[in-house]
Amino acid sequence: MKLFAKYNRINVVSTIIIFLLGSIAFALLLRYVIFKQIDEDLRIEKNEILTYVKRYDHLPLPVEVHDQYITYTIIDKPVDAADRIFDKKVYNKHEHEEELRRTIEFDIHVNKVWYRINVSKSLEGTDDLIQTIIAITIAIILLILVVTFLINRIVLKRLWRPFYNTLQTLQQFNLSESGNINFTKTRIDEFSYLNATLETALAKAKADYKTLKEFTENASHELQTPLAVIRSKLDILIQNEKLSEGESQAIQSAYHSLQGLNKLNQSLLLLTKIENNQFNEVAEINLKPLLQNKAAEFSELWKSRNIKTAINLSDKIVKGNAHLIEVLLNNLLSNATKHNVSHGSIQILLDDTLQVVNTGRPQPLDKEQLFKRFSKQTTFAEDHGLGLSIIWQICIASGFSCTYNFIAPDKHSFTIAW
């Protein structure tokens, strides 16, 4: 869930809860204030009746006014000297329906007769007023919620725009590209601090990357001369007829290791050149004849290992560097051959994509580590772990994509999409 959505959800839920509790408290407080005022009016009416009786020694004539009703009832004796205030439903002959009234009841002695007096006020208007006020309050609350949500959506989206600009800049960042990374300027202190921190960290990362790349390139170049010298010396020693069988085997082993080291050095040089964008020449290349030539080169090796082949090629023209595409195809077929099994199979299918499927070990390879440098998925002695990394880098440099899939029970598929 996005931070913006989570904040909105928390904000809306908390606001609704606060407003609901506030509305309930407001309704109860409003009801309390109105009822208190009605009770006060009823007591004032009671005092007026008592004053009238004290002055004239008889009850005033009950006069009905709007929403106020007075009734006198003769009783034998008083029940309680205290006032009794309560709500009760009474049939209204004018409205022809029952209505709720707030009533004060008290007993009074007039001319040797006890009377029970009820003074009541209708609560229908009061309830209507409370309901209207509550309805208005709820409408205002809903309006506030909608406005708050819209404001948060607009304002917060604008406030977080520098953050998303920073993320977009980071997604486009590439260590191998020259030039400094520049983030969009913002007046928000936190985002300015974040951008400054990222600029410092990325500048250091680029400097370290450049140093490491230069070291790899220089080391690979510097290794070429001593490797050539060692190889020439070993060639001379191998031609010496006075060597014993043990000495000859030792030199052959050293020569074999030197070939592996030279191959590793050439692979590192190739990766460095690819990352430095030194293969800029692009042409339209038909893959079908290239694959046919490569298949012819590998045919003797496939026969010696009893590997069956199924080749189905269509004409496919792609744009890319001729040398890199040749290396790509060579590494794909070499990988399918090197990691195959005796009496296995290789399938090469070229149409809109190039798919190379080979038999191998009956477990899938680790996709997360597969195309990383020096990542060995097998125990093959001559595998230096750069073949698939070279394929991956060539695809990135050429705008291709490379995917791996395991086909049960023992087939491994590499697909190149142009």
Protein backbone atom coordinates (compact mmCIF):
# COMPACT_ATOMS: atom_id res chain seq x y z
CA MET A 1 0.00 0.00 0.00
CA LYS A 2 1.27 3.46 -0.88
CA LEU A 3 2.10 5.89 1.92
CA PHE A 4 -0.34 8.42 0.49
CA ALA A 5 -3.20 5.89 0.45
CA LYS A 6 -2.37 4.67 3.95
CA TYR A 7 -2.27 8.22 5.30
CA ASN A 8 -5.61 9.01 3.62
CA ARG A 9 -7.18 5.89 5.09
CA ILE A 10 -5.94 6.65 8.60
CA ASN A 11 -6.94 10.31 8.27
CA VAL A 12 -10.46 9.55 6.98
CA VAL A 13 -11.13 6.79 9.55
CA SER A 14 -9.87 8.88 12.48
CA THR A 15 -11.82 11.93 11.26
CA ILE A 16 -15.04 9.90 10.94
CA ILE A 17 -14.60 8.46 14.45
CA ILE A 18 -13.90 11.90 15.93
CA PHE A 19 -16.88 13.45 14.15
CA LEU A 20 -19.20 10.59 15.16
CA LEU A 21 -18.20 10.86 18.80
CA GLY A 22 -18.44 14.65 18.57
CA SER A 23 -21.90 14.42 16.96
CA ILE A 24 -23.17 12.08 19.66
CA ALA A 25 -21.77 14.31 22.39
CA PHE A 26 -23.24 17.39 20.68
CA ALA A 27 -26.68 15.77 20.36
CA LEU A 28 -26.69 14.72 24.03
CA LEU A 29 -25.49 18.15 25.15
CA LEU A 30 -28.08 19.88 22.95
CA ARG A 31 -30.85 17.67 24.34
CA TYR A 32 -29.69 18.37 27.88
CA VAL A 33 -29.64 22.15 27.34
CA ILE A 34 -33.08 22.19 25.67
CA PHE A 35 -34.66 19.99 28.35
CA LYS A 36 -33.11 22.11 31.05
CA GLN A 37 -34.66 25.19 29.48
CA ILE A 38 -38.06 23.46 29.21
CA ASP A 39 -37.87 22.37 32.86
CA GLU A 40 -37.04 25.96 33.80
CA ASP A 41 -40.09 27.21 31.86
CA LEU A 42 -42.29 24.62 33.59
CA ARG A 43 -41.07 25.74 37.02
CA ILE A 44 -41.75 29.36 36.10
CA GLU A 45 -45.31 28.41 35.11
CA LYS A 46 -45.70 26.53 38.40
CA ASN A 47 -44.53 29.58 40.39
CA GLU A 48 -47.00 31.78 38.52
CA ILE A 49 -49.84 29.42 39.49
CA LEU A 50 -48.73 29.36 43.11
CA THR A 51 -48.49 33.17 43.18
CA TYR A 52 -51.97 33.49 41.65
CA VAL A 53 -53.48 31.08 44.22
CA LYS A 54 -51.79 32.89 47.08
CA ARG A 55 -53.14 36.22 45.90
CA TYR A 56 -56.70 35.24 44.85
CA ASP A 57 -57.24 32.00 46.78
CA HIS A 58 -58.46 30.11 43.74
CA LEU A 59 -56.92 28.49 40.68
CA PRO A 60 -56.49 30.46 37.48
CA LEU A 61 -58.46 29.40 34.49
CA PRO A 62 -56.43 26.90 32.44
CA VAL A 63 -55.59 28.59 29.19
CA GLU A 64 -54.02 26.50 26.44
CA VAL A 65 -51.26 28.25 24.61
CA HIS A 66 -49.10 26.88 21.81
CA ASP A 67 -47.35 23.69 22.94
CA GLN A 68 -48.30 24.27 26.61
CA TYR A 69 -51.11 22.50 28.43
CA ILE A 70 -52.46 22.88 32.04
CA THR A 71 -54.84 20.43 33.75
CA TYR A 72 -56.33 20.41 37.27
CA THR A 73 -57.40 17.19 39.00
CA ILE A 74 -59.07 16.97 42.46
CA ILE A 75 -57.35 14.44 44.74
CA ASP A 76 -58.01 13.16 48.23
CA LYS A 77 -54.61 13.95 49.62
CA PRO A 78 -51.20 14.88 48.29
CA VAL A 79 -48.78 12.11 47.44
CA ASP A 80 -45.48 13.96 47.57
CA ALA A 81 -44.56 17.51 48.35
CA ALA A 82 -41.72 17.53 45.82
CA ASP A 83 -42.15 18.37 42.16
CA ARG A 84 -42.32 15.52 39.72
CA ILE A 85 -40.93 16.12 36.23
CA PHE A 86 -41.28 13.37 33.63
CA ASP A 87 -42.04 12.62 29.97
CA LYS A 88 -45.27 11.01 28.89
CA LYS A 89 -47.21 10.40 25.71
CA VAL A 90 -50.58 12.15 25.47
CA TYR A 91 -53.23 12.03 22.77
CA ASN A 92 -53.52 15.39 20.99
CA LYS A 93 -57.13 15.95 19.96
CA HIS A 94 -56.12 18.69 17.55
CA GLU A 95 -53.44 16.68 15.77
CA HIS A 96 -55.31 13.39 16.25
CA GLU A 97 -52.19 11.58 17.29
CA GLU A 98 -50.13 10.89 20.33
CA GLU A 99 -47.32 13.25 21.15
CA LEU A 100 -44.57 13.29 23.70
CA ARG A 101 -44.81 15.94 26.40
CA ARG A 102 -42.54 17.16 29.17
CA THR A 103 -44.64 17.51 32.34
CA ILE A 104 -44.21 18.97 35.81
CA GLU A 105 -46.68 17.64 38.36
CA PHE A 106 -47.33 19.08 41.83
CA ASP A 107 -50.10 19.15 44.46
CA ILE A 108 -51.69 22.30 45.89
CA HIS A 109 -54.34 23.05 48.57
CA VAL A 110 -56.99 25.59 47.53
CA ASN A 111 -60.14 26.36 49.58
CA LYS A 112 -59.83 23.15 51.57
CA VAL A 113 -59.51 21.10 48.38
CA TRP A 114 -56.42 19.32 47.13
CA TYR A 115 -55.62 19.62 43.44
CA ARG A 116 -53.06 17.84 41.31
CA ILE A 117 -51.79 20.22 38.66
CA ASN A 118 -50.08 19.12 35.48
CA VAL A 119 -48.25 21.66 33.37
CA SER A 120 -46.82 20.14 30.19
CA LYS A 121 -45.02 21.26 27.08
CA SER A 122 -44.96 19.38 23.81
CA LEU A 123 -41.59 17.89 22.84
CA GLU A 124 -42.50 17.32 19.20
CA GLY A 125 -41.11 20.65 18.12
CA THR A 126 -38.06 20.11 20.31
CA ASP A 127 -37.38 16.69 18.79
CA ASP A 128 -37.85 18.14 15.32
CA LEU A 129 -35.39 20.91 16.18
CA ILE A 130 -32.84 18.43 17.53
CA GLN A 131 -33.22 16.19 14.48
CA THR A 132 -32.83 19.19 12.17
CA ILE A 133 -29.73 20.38 14.01
CA ILE A 134 -28.27 16.86 13.98
CA ALA A 135 -29.05 16.48 10.27
CA ILE A 136 -27.38 19.82 9.53
CA THR A 137 -24.41 18.81 11.68
CA ILE A 138 -24.06 15.47 9.86
CA ALA A 139 -24.31 17.22 6.48
CA ILE A 140 -21.60 19.69 7.55
CA ILE A 141 -19.44 16.81 8.80
CA LEU A 142 -19.82 14.94 5.51
CA LEU A 143 -19.00 18.11 3.61
CA ILE A 144 -15.92 18.64 5.78
CA LEU A 145 -14.86 15.02 5.18
CA VAL A 146 -15.22 15.35 1.42
CA VAL A 147 -13.40 18.68 1.33
CA THR A 148 -10.66 17.35 3.64
CA PHE A 149 -10.23 14.28 1.47
CA LEU A 150 -9.98 16.35 -1.70
CA ILE A 151 -7.60 18.84 -0.11
CA ASN A 152 -5.42 16.03 1.24
CA ARG A 153 -5.44 14.32 -2.14
CA ILE A 154 -4.47 17.47 -4.01
CA VAL A 155 -2.15 19.05 -1.46
CA LEU A 156 -0.41 15.86 -0.36
CA LYS A 157 0.05 14.74 -3.95
CA ARG A 158 1.71 18.06 -4.67
CA LEU A 159 3.78 17.88 -1.49
CA TRP A 160 5.03 14.37 -2.33
CA ARG A 161 5.79 15.21 -5.97
CA PRO A 162 9.50 15.95 -5.24
CA PHE A 163 9.80 12.51 -3.63
CA TYR A 164 8.43 10.75 -6.70
CA ASN A 165 10.68 12.91 -8.91
CA THR A 166 13.61 11.67 -6.85
CA LEU A 167 12.49 8.05 -7.30
CA GLN A 168 12.15 8.55 -11.04
CA THR A 169 15.65 10.04 -11.23
CA LEU A 170 17.02 7.08 -9.25
CA GLN A 171 15.32 4.61 -11.60
CA GLN A 172 17.04 6.24 -14.58
CA PHE A 173 20.43 6.34 -12.83
CA ASN A 174 23.18 4.21 -14.33
CA LEU A 175 26.63 3.85 -12.79
CA SER A 176 28.25 3.39 -16.18
CA GLU A 177 26.96 6.70 -17.56
CA SER A 178 29.09 9.82 -17.33
CA GLY A 179 27.95 13.02 -15.71
CA ASN A 180 26.55 13.84 -12.30
CA ILE A 181 23.05 12.99 -11.16
CA ASN A 182 20.83 16.03 -10.61
CA PHE A 183 17.64 15.92 -8.59
CA THR A 184 14.76 18.35 -9.01
CA LYS A 185 15.03 21.31 -6.66
CA THR A 186 12.43 21.53 -3.91
CA ARG A 187 11.59 23.99 -1.14
CA ILE A 188 10.73 21.21 1.31
CA ASP A 189 13.64 20.83 3.72
CA GLU A 190 13.27 17.08 4.26
CA PHE A 191 13.28 16.29 0.55
CA SER A 192 16.16 18.71 -0.06
CA TYR A 193 18.15 16.90 2.63
CA LEU A 194 17.24 13.53 1.08
CA ASN A 195 18.36 14.68 -2.38
CA ALA A 196 21.62 16.09 -1.03
CA THR A 197 22.36 12.84 0.81
CA LEU A 198 21.58 10.76 -2.28
CA GLU A 199 23.73 12.99 -4.50
CA THR A 200 26.68 12.53 -2.16
CA ALA A 201 26.19 8.75 -1.90
CA LEU A 202 25.72 8.27 -5.65
CA ALA A 203 28.71 10.47 -6.49
CA LYS A 204 30.86 8.31 -4.22
CA ALA A 205 29.40 5.14 -5.76
CA LYS A 206 30.19 6.40 -9.26
CA ALA A 207 33.73 7.29 -8.24
CA ASP A 208 34.25 3.84 -6.69
CA TYR A 209 32.73 2.18 -9.75
CA LYS A 210 34.97 4.17 -12.08
CA THR A 211 38.04 3.25 -10.05
CA LEU A 212 37.08 -0.42 -10.04
CA LYS A 213 36.34 -0.41 -13.76
CA GLU A 214 39.63 1.28 -14.56
CA PHE A 215 41.45 -1.22 -12.37
CA THR A 216 39.75 -4.17 -14.13
CA GLU A 217 40.48 -2.73 -17.56
CA ASN A 218 44.09 -1.87 -16.76
CA ALA A 219 44.70 -5.19 -15.04
CA SER A 220 43.27 -7.09 -18.00
CA HIS A 221 45.43 -5.13 -20.44
CA GLU A 222 48.54 -5.49 -18.32
CA LEU A 223 47.98 -9.23 -17.99
CA GLN A 224 48.00 -9.78 -21.74
CA THR A 225 51.77 -9.31 -22.16
CA PRO A 226 52.94 -11.62 -19.33
CA LEU A 227 50.37 -14.22 -20.37
CA ALA A 228 51.69 -14.13 -23.93
CA VAL A 229 55.28 -14.46 -22.64
CA ILE A 230 54.37 -17.39 -20.39
CA ARG A 231 52.56 -19.12 -23.23
CA SER A 232 55.54 -18.72 -25.57
CA LYS A 233 57.91 -20.09 -22.92
CA LEU A 234 55.61 -23.05 -22.34
CA ASP A 235 55.45 -23.68 -26.10
CA ILE A 236 59.28 -23.83 -26.16
CA LEU A 237 59.37 -26.18 -23.16
CA ILE A 238 56.75 -28.50 -24.67
CA GLN A 239 58.92 -28.89 -27.80
CA ASN A 240 61.91 -29.99 -25.69
CA GLU A 241 62.47 -33.70 -26.37
CA LYS A 242 64.56 -34.19 -23.23
CA LEU A 243 61.59 -33.72 -20.89
CA SER A 244 60.50 -36.67 -18.83
CA GLU A 245 56.91 -37.87 -18.95
CA GLY A 246 56.15 -36.26 -15.56
CA GLU A 247 57.67 -32.95 -16.60
CA SER A 248 55.73 -33.02 -19.88
CA GLN A 249 52.43 -33.65 -18.03
CA ALA A 250 53.19 -30.82 -15.59
CA ILE A 251 53.86 -28.41 -18.44
CA GLN A 252 50.69 -29.56 -20.24
CA SER A 253 48.69 -28.91 -17.05
CA ALA A 254 50.23 -25.45 -16.67
CA TYR A 255 49.51 -24.71 -20.33
CA HIS A 256 45.89 -25.78 -19.88
CA SER A 257 45.51 -23.52 -16.82
CA LEU A 258 47.12 -20.67 -18.76
CA GLN A 259 44.55 -21.08 -21.52
CA GLY A 260 41.76 -20.81 -18.93
CA LEU A 261 43.37 -17.69 -17.43
CA ASN A 262 43.77 -16.14 -20.88
CA LYS A 263 40.10 -16.91 -21.66
CA LEU A 264 39.06 -15.31 -18.37
CA ASN A 265 41.16 -12.25 -19.14
CA GLN A 266 39.61 -11.92 -22.62
CA SER A 267 36.10 -12.20 -21.11
CA LEU A 268 36.84 -9.46 -18.57
CA LEU A 269 38.20 -7.24 -21.33
CA LEU A 270 35.07 -7.86 -23.41
CA LEU A 271 32.79 -6.99 -20.47
CA THR A 272 34.75 -3.80 -19.85
CA LYS A 273 34.47 -2.77 -23.49
CA ILE A 274 30.73 -3.47 -23.50
CA GLU A 275 30.22 -1.34 -20.37
CA ASN A 276 32.33 1.44 -21.90
CA ASN A 277 30.07 1.42 -25.00
CA GLN A 278 33.01 0.71 -27.31
CA PHE A 279 30.86 -1.29 -29.75
CA ASN A 280 28.96 1.57 -31.37
CA GLU A 281 28.81 0.24 -34.92
CA VAL A 282 25.28 -1.00 -35.55
CA ALA A 283 24.09 -2.85 -38.66
CA GLU A 284 21.19 -5.00 -39.79
CA ILE A 285 22.18 -8.63 -39.41
CA ASN A 286 20.41 -11.77 -40.59
CA LEU A 287 20.70 -14.32 -37.80
CA LYS A 288 19.86 -17.38 -39.87
CA PRO A 289 23.20 -17.73 -41.74
CA LEU A 290 25.11 -16.87 -38.56
CA LEU A 291 23.38 -19.65 -36.65
CA GLN A 292 23.90 -22.08 -39.51
CA ASN A 293 27.66 -21.35 -39.46
CA LYS A 294 27.79 -21.69 -35.66
CA ALA A 295 25.91 -24.99 -35.81
CA ALA A 296 28.42 -26.24 -38.38
CA GLU A 297 31.31 -25.26 -36.07
CA PHE A 298 29.78 -27.13 -33.11
CA SER A 299 28.60 -30.15 -35.11
CA GLU A 300 31.76 -32.25 -34.60
CA LEU A 301 31.67 -31.58 -30.85
CA TRP A 302 28.01 -32.53 -30.68
CA LYS A 303 28.69 -35.76 -32.57
CA SER A 304 31.56 -36.68 -30.26
CA ARG A 305 29.24 -36.34 -27.24
CA ASN A 306 26.28 -38.02 -28.99
CA ILE A 307 24.14 -34.89 -28.59
CA LYS A 308 21.09 -34.84 -30.83
CA THR A 309 20.16 -31.53 -32.43
CA ALA A 310 16.88 -30.12 -33.70
CA ILE A 311 17.38 -26.88 -35.61
CA ASN A 312 14.54 -24.84 -37.06
CA LEU A 313 15.61 -21.45 -38.41
CA SER A 314 13.66 -18.66 -40.08
CA ASP A 315 15.07 -15.47 -41.54
CA LYS A 316 15.34 -12.88 -38.80
CA ILE A 317 17.03 -9.50 -39.23
CA VAL A 318 18.04 -7.59 -36.10
CA LYS A 319 19.95 -4.39 -35.47
CA GLY A 320 23.11 -4.68 -33.45
CA ASN A 321 26.87 -4.85 -33.41
CA ALA A 322 28.09 -7.76 -35.56
CA HIS A 323 30.91 -8.77 -33.17
CA LEU A 324 28.67 -8.70 -30.09
CA ILE A 325 25.93 -10.73 -31.79
CA GLU A 326 28.49 -13.33 -32.89
CA VAL A 327 29.79 -13.55 -29.29
CA LEU A 328 26.20 -13.81 -28.05
CA LEU A 329 25.37 -16.72 -30.34
CA ASN A 330 28.69 -18.44 -29.63
CA ASN A 331 28.17 -18.20 -25.85
CA LEU A 332 24.59 -19.48 -26.08
CA LEU A 333 25.62 -22.58 -28.05
CA SER A 334 28.76 -23.08 -25.98
CA ASN A 335 26.72 -22.91 -22.77
CA ALA A 336 24.16 -25.38 -24.14
CA THR A 337 26.97 -27.76 -25.13
CA LYS A 338 29.21 -27.38 -22.09
CA HIS A 339 26.45 -28.02 -19.57
CA ASN A 340 24.75 -30.78 -21.56
CA VAL A 341 24.81 -34.48 -20.79
CA SER A 342 26.03 -37.40 -22.86
CA HIS A 343 23.36 -38.55 -25.33
CA GLY A 344 21.48 -35.34 -24.59
CA SER A 345 19.82 -32.92 -26.97
CA ILE A 346 19.93 -29.31 -28.13
CA GLN A 347 17.03 -27.48 -29.79
CA ILE A 348 17.56 -24.21 -31.64
CA LEU A 349 14.46 -22.31 -32.75
CA LEU A 350 14.63 -18.97 -34.55
CA ASP A 351 11.48 -17.05 -35.48
CA ASP A 352 10.45 -13.85 -33.72
CA THR A 353 12.75 -14.89 -30.86
CA LEU A 354 15.78 -17.11 -30.51
CA GLN A 355 15.28 -20.08 -28.19
CA VAL A 356 18.03 -22.51 -27.23
CA VAL A 357 16.93 -25.54 -25.20
CA ASN A 358 19.39 -28.11 -23.87
CA THR A 359 19.24 -31.10 -21.58
CA GLY A 360 21.15 -30.82 -18.34
CA ARG A 361 20.89 -31.44 -14.64
CA PRO A 362 17.34 -32.18 -13.42
CA GLN A 363 17.08 -29.07 -11.23
CA PRO A 364 16.32 -25.47 -12.20
CA LEU A 365 19.10 -22.90 -12.02
CA ASP A 366 19.00 -19.98 -9.59
CA LYS A 367 17.53 -17.13 -11.64
CA GLU A 368 18.71 -14.46 -9.20
CA GLN A 369 22.36 -15.54 -9.49
CA LEU A 370 22.34 -16.93 -13.02
CA PHE A 371 23.56 -13.87 -14.94
CA LYS A 372 25.88 -12.47 -12.28
CA ARG A 373 29.64 -12.46 -12.78
CA PHE A 374 31.57 -15.48 -11.53
CA SER A 375 28.33 -17.20 -10.57
CA LYS A 376 28.80 -20.92 -11.19
CA GLN A 377 25.65 -23.03 -11.39
CA THR A 378 27.61 -26.24 -12.02
CA THR A 379 30.91 -27.82 -10.97
CA PHE A 380 32.29 -27.73 -14.52
CA ALA A 381 36.02 -27.14 -14.10
CA GLU A 382 36.56 -24.90 -17.13
CA ASP A 383 33.56 -22.70 -16.38
CA HIS A 384 34.79 -19.30 -15.16
CA GLY A 385 31.26 -17.98 -14.55
CA LEU A 386 31.32 -15.18 -17.12
CA GLY A 387 29.61 -16.72 -20.15
CA LEU A 388 26.03 -15.94 -19.11
CA SER A 389 27.11 -12.58 -17.68
CA ILE A 390 28.51 -11.65 -21.11
CA ILE A 391 25.20 -12.71 -22.72
CA TRP A 392 23.30 -10.52 -20.27
CA GLN A 393 25.52 -7.48 -20.84
CA ILE A 394 25.34 -7.86 -24.62
CA CYS A 395 21.53 -7.97 -24.41
CA ILE A 396 21.48 -4.80 -22.27
CA ALA A 397 23.87 -2.98 -24.60
CA SER A 398 21.92 -4.08 -27.70
CA GLY A 399 18.42 -3.49 -26.33
CA PHE A 400 17.57 -7.21 -26.25
CA SER A 401 16.08 -9.24 -23.40
CA CYS A 402 17.20 -12.63 -22.11
CA THR A 403 15.03 -15.00 -20.05
CA TYR A 404 15.66 -18.41 -18.55
CA ASN A 405 13.10 -21.17 -17.92
CA PHE A 406 13.36 -24.71 -16.62
CA ILE A 407 11.33 -27.32 -18.51
CA ALA A 408 10.81 -30.43 -16.43
CA PRO A 409 12.30 -32.93 -16.09
CA ASP A 410 15.77 -31.88 -17.30
CA LYS A 411 15.63 -29.17 -19.98
CA HIS A 412 16.94 -25.62 -19.67
CA SER A 413 15.68 -22.90 -22.02
CA PHE A 414 17.26 -19.53 -22.85
CA THR A 415 15.19 -17.11 -24.92
CA ILE A 416 16.48 -13.94 -26.57
CA ALA A 417 13.84 -11.38 -27.59
CA TRP A 418 14.78 -8.55 -29.93
